[in-house]
Amino acid sequence: MEIVLKNTKSKYLEIFSLFDLKNIHETFKRFASNKEPLEAKIFAVNESISSHQLAKLKSHFDKINICSLCIYSNNRDTILSGKSLKIDSTFIREQEIKNKLLLFNSKKKDDILHNGTVRSGERISSNGNLCIIGDVNPGAIVSAKKNIYVWGKLLGIAFAGKSGNKNASIASLYLKPLQLRIADVIAIGPKDKPKNYHPEIAVIDKQTIIIKPHLIENKN
């Protein structure tokens, strides 16, 4: 199933896939610190979801300040399960579900510039490059299909090249993250504080993430 989360101002927040309800706690834990009311839409194509499974899912939604929850599915059993739990459930054809998901995906911006601190529990995701002017606090997660640039302290989790781009990089003025990920390569952040206050960049080198000084060329 695909789940769309957005704030009440209809601003796109995130689309994610939920394949295994056994790991649902880890999936939703990252939204626990969100204070703003959210709307959730579940899209289930050719999936039979029981009322027990939906009840388990709904209990996690209730913990993350969901003010509106609805289901779109082409499976009648899923719709009946939703209605039994008094969830707004609508039966629509498979292609209509795909069209709705395509519409949400089209709202994603490519490159994103974020001005301000990314606080614990917040998430920012970009379909292109992500540039943050401010700090990324511990507990915050930032991700991008391309590169990530943090004009401040990177202390949370950063995931660049999330579409599989191993040439992506993560750069920061102060690089001490909890975790770095580039494509499918993951590294735990360094225990020691950066010795020098100069920009650093994380890249993949021989299937390992390395951190090196980020030297900006002067073309004058």
Protein backbone atom coordinates (compact mmCIF):
# COMPACT_ATOMS: atom_id res chain seq x y z
CA MET A 1 0.00 0.00 0.00
CA GLU A 2 1.03 3.60 -0.58
CA ILE A 3 0.48 6.19 2.14
CA VAL A 4 0.37 9.93 1.51
CA LEU A 5 0.89 12.28 4.46
CA LYS A 6 0.33 16.00 4.08
CA ASN A 7 -0.39 18.89 6.39
CA THR A 8 -3.80 20.51 6.64
CA LYS A 9 -2.74 23.33 4.34
CA SER A 10 -2.62 20.74 1.52
CA LYS A 11 1.13 21.08 1.28
CA TYR A 12 2.73 17.83 0.16
CA LEU A 13 4.65 16.10 2.94
CA GLU A 14 5.61 12.56 2.00
CA ILE A 15 4.60 9.45 0.10
CA PHE A 16 5.90 6.14 1.33
CA SER A 17 5.24 2.44 0.76
CA LEU A 18 4.29 0.13 3.57
CA PHE A 19 4.97 -3.48 2.65
CA ASP A 20 5.24 -5.12 6.06
CA LEU A 21 2.96 -4.24 8.97
CA LYS A 22 5.39 -6.03 11.31
CA ASN A 23 7.80 -3.11 10.99
CA ILE A 24 5.12 -0.44 11.25
CA HIS A 25 6.50 0.98 14.51
CA GLU A 26 9.82 1.91 12.91
CA THR A 27 8.03 3.41 9.93
CA PHE A 28 5.93 5.78 12.03
CA LYS A 29 8.43 6.56 14.78
CA ARG A 30 10.02 9.29 12.69
CA PHE A 31 6.75 11.24 12.63
CA ALA A 32 6.17 11.06 16.40
CA SER A 33 7.51 14.57 17.08
CA ASN A 34 5.33 16.23 14.47
CA LYS A 35 3.03 18.78 16.13
CA GLU A 36 0.99 19.89 13.14
CA PRO A 37 -2.26 18.04 12.28
CA LEU A 38 -1.78 15.75 9.29
CA GLU A 39 -4.06 14.19 6.70
CA ALA A 40 -3.39 10.58 5.71
CA LYS A 41 -4.55 8.82 2.56
CA ILE A 42 -4.09 5.07 2.05
CA PHE A 43 -3.96 3.77 -1.52
CA ALA A 44 -4.31 -0.01 -1.82
CA VAL A 45 -4.18 -1.50 -5.31
CA ASN A 46 -5.31 -5.14 -5.54
CA GLU A 47 -4.65 -5.61 -1.82
CA SER A 48 -6.96 -7.28 0.65
CA ILE A 49 -6.36 -5.61 4.01
CA SER A 50 -8.15 -7.08 7.02
CA SER A 51 -9.88 -5.02 9.71
CA HIS A 52 -7.26 -6.30 12.18
CA GLN A 53 -4.43 -4.97 10.00
CA LEU A 54 -6.20 -1.65 9.50
CA ALA A 55 -6.87 -1.33 13.23
CA LYS A 56 -3.17 -1.79 13.90
CA LEU A 57 -2.33 0.81 11.27
CA LYS A 58 -4.95 3.23 12.61
CA SER A 59 -3.55 2.97 16.14
CA HIS A 60 -0.22 4.26 14.85
CA PHE A 61 -1.90 7.05 12.91
CA ASP A 62 -3.62 8.14 16.13
CA LYS A 63 -0.20 8.62 17.74
CA ILE A 64 1.06 11.06 15.12
CA ASN A 65 -1.69 13.68 15.23
CA ILE A 66 -3.74 12.53 12.25
CA CYS A 67 -6.89 14.63 11.86
CA SER A 68 -8.18 12.94 8.70
CA LEU A 69 -7.80 9.37 7.41
CA CYS A 70 -9.23 7.85 4.26
CA ILE A 71 -8.74 4.77 2.10
CA TYR A 72 -8.88 4.38 -1.68
CA SER A 73 -8.89 0.81 -2.98
CA ASN A 74 -10.14 -1.39 -5.80
CA ASN A 75 -10.51 -4.32 -3.37
CA ARG A 76 -13.98 -4.62 -1.83
CA ASP A 77 -12.73 -6.53 1.24
CA THR A 78 -10.35 -3.65 2.04
CA ILE A 79 -13.19 -1.15 1.69
CA LEU A 80 -15.44 -3.20 3.99
CA SER A 81 -12.61 -3.47 6.55
CA GLY A 82 -12.21 0.29 6.48
CA LYS A 83 -15.92 0.96 6.87
CA SER A 84 -16.11 -1.46 9.81
CA LEU A 85 -13.60 0.78 11.61
CA LYS A 86 -15.50 3.92 10.56
CA ILE A 87 -12.66 4.98 8.25
CA ASP A 88 -13.72 7.00 5.20
CA SER A 89 -13.28 4.32 2.50
CA THR A 90 -13.88 4.73 -1.23
CA PHE A 91 -13.94 2.04 -3.91
CA ILE A 92 -12.30 3.25 -7.12
CA ARG A 93 -10.74 1.54 -10.13
CA GLU A 94 -7.06 0.63 -10.28
CA GLN A 95 -6.22 3.27 -12.89
CA GLU A 96 -7.93 5.98 -10.84
CA ILE A 97 -5.75 5.09 -7.84
CA LYS A 98 -2.63 5.29 -9.99
CA ASN A 99 -3.77 8.65 -11.37
CA LYS A 100 -4.24 10.04 -7.85
CA LEU A 101 -0.77 8.86 -6.82
CA LEU A 102 0.70 10.37 -9.98
CA LEU A 103 -0.94 13.69 -9.10
CA PHE A 104 0.61 13.68 -5.62
CA ASN A 105 4.02 12.79 -7.02
CA SER A 106 3.76 15.63 -9.55
CA LYS A 107 3.51 18.08 -6.64
CA LYS A 108 6.99 17.19 -5.50
CA LYS A 109 9.49 19.93 -6.19
CA ASP A 110 12.87 19.08 -7.60
CA ASP A 111 15.51 21.24 -5.92
CA ILE A 112 14.51 22.55 -2.49
CA LEU A 113 16.00 25.44 -0.52
CA HIS A 114 15.08 25.38 3.16
CA ASN A 115 15.88 28.41 5.28
CA GLY A 116 15.97 27.64 9.01
CA THR A 117 16.73 24.90 11.49
CA VAL A 118 15.41 21.38 10.83
CA ARG A 119 14.32 20.29 14.29
CA SER A 120 14.13 16.84 15.88
CA GLY A 121 11.29 14.82 14.37
CA GLU A 122 11.10 16.94 11.21
CA ARG A 123 11.75 15.51 7.76
CA ILE A 124 12.61 17.26 4.51
CA SER A 125 12.76 15.34 1.25
CA SER A 126 13.75 16.59 -2.21
CA ASN A 127 13.33 15.12 -5.68
CA GLY A 128 16.52 16.92 -6.70
CA ASN A 129 19.15 18.72 -4.64
CA LEU A 130 18.45 19.83 -1.07
CA CYS A 131 20.09 22.96 0.34
CA ILE A 132 19.53 23.87 3.98
CA ILE A 133 20.60 27.23 5.40
CA GLY A 134 20.62 26.35 9.07
CA ASP A 135 21.29 23.37 11.31
CA VAL A 136 19.93 19.83 11.06
CA ASN A 137 19.37 18.79 14.66
CA PRO A 138 19.68 15.25 16.07
CA GLY A 139 16.43 13.37 15.37
CA ALA A 140 15.83 15.23 12.09
CA ILE A 141 16.01 13.39 8.76
CA VAL A 142 16.89 15.04 5.44
CA SER A 143 16.98 13.24 2.10
CA ALA A 144 17.41 14.00 -1.59
CA LYS A 145 17.62 12.16 -4.89
CA LYS A 146 20.72 14.20 -5.68
CA ASN A 147 23.03 16.12 -3.33
CA ILE A 148 22.54 17.58 0.15
CA TYR A 149 24.16 20.86 1.23
CA VAL A 150 23.86 22.04 4.83
CA TRP A 151 25.00 25.61 5.47
CA GLY A 152 25.22 24.93 9.19
CA LYS A 153 25.62 21.91 11.47
CA LEU A 154 24.56 18.48 10.24
CA LEU A 155 23.78 16.51 13.42
CA GLY A 156 20.83 14.37 12.31
CA ILE A 157 20.42 11.75 9.56
CA ALA A 158 21.15 12.55 5.90
CA PHE A 159 20.33 10.35 2.89
CA ALA A 160 21.56 11.52 -0.52
CA GLY A 161 21.19 9.70 -3.82
CA LYS A 162 18.03 7.99 -2.62
CA SER A 163 17.18 6.96 -6.18
CA GLY A 164 20.43 4.97 -6.31
CA ASN A 165 22.80 7.74 -7.48
CA LYS A 166 26.21 6.78 -6.06
CA ASN A 167 27.75 10.02 -7.34
CA ALA A 168 25.64 12.02 -4.91
CA SER A 169 27.27 13.77 -1.95
CA ILE A 170 26.51 15.31 1.43
CA ALA A 171 28.29 18.55 2.34
CA SER A 172 28.14 20.62 5.54
CA LEU A 173 29.97 23.39 7.38
CA TYR A 174 30.03 21.13 10.46
CA LEU A 175 29.66 17.43 9.69
CA LYS A 176 28.81 15.28 12.73
CA PRO A 177 25.69 13.33 11.71
CA LEU A 178 24.06 10.41 13.48
CA GLN A 179 24.02 8.54 10.18
CA LEU A 180 24.93 9.14 6.56
CA ARG A 181 23.58 7.26 3.58
CA ILE A 182 24.42 7.66 -0.08
CA ALA A 183 22.49 5.35 -2.42
CA ASP A 184 22.75 1.92 -0.73
CA VAL A 185 25.88 2.68 1.30
CA ILE A 186 25.37 3.54 4.98
CA ALA A 187 27.82 4.93 7.53
CA ILE A 188 27.50 5.85 11.19
CA GLY A 189 28.60 9.41 11.97
CA PRO A 190 32.01 10.03 13.58
CA LYS A 191 32.16 9.93 17.40
CA ASP A 192 34.62 12.82 17.62
CA LYS A 193 33.75 16.40 16.83
CA PRO A 194 35.26 17.86 13.65
CA LYS A 195 38.73 19.14 14.50
CA ASN A 196 38.57 22.03 12.09
CA TYR A 197 35.62 24.29 11.39
CA HIS A 198 35.78 24.06 7.62
CA PRO A 199 33.30 22.61 5.13
CA GLU A 200 33.44 18.84 4.66
CA ILE A 201 31.86 16.55 2.12
CA ALA A 202 30.86 12.88 2.27
CA VAL A 203 31.15 10.82 -0.91
CA ILE A 204 31.36 7.16 -1.89
CA ASP A 205 34.83 5.80 -2.53
CA LYS A 206 35.19 2.09 -3.24
CA GLN A 207 31.78 1.25 -1.76
CA THR A 208 32.61 3.15 1.44
CA ILE A 209 31.48 6.59 2.55
CA ILE A 210 34.45 8.84 3.24
CA ILE A 211 34.56 12.39 4.60
CA LYS A 212 37.04 14.90 3.23
CA PRO A 213 37.53 18.68 3.14
CA HIS A 214 35.11 20.39 0.79
CA LEU A 215 37.27 22.67 -1.28
CA ILE A 216 35.45 25.30 -3.30
CA GLU A 217 37.29 26.24 -6.42
CA ASN A 218 38.00 29.90 -7.09
CA LYS A 219 37.50 30.43 -10.81
CA ASN A 220 38.59 34.05 -10.84
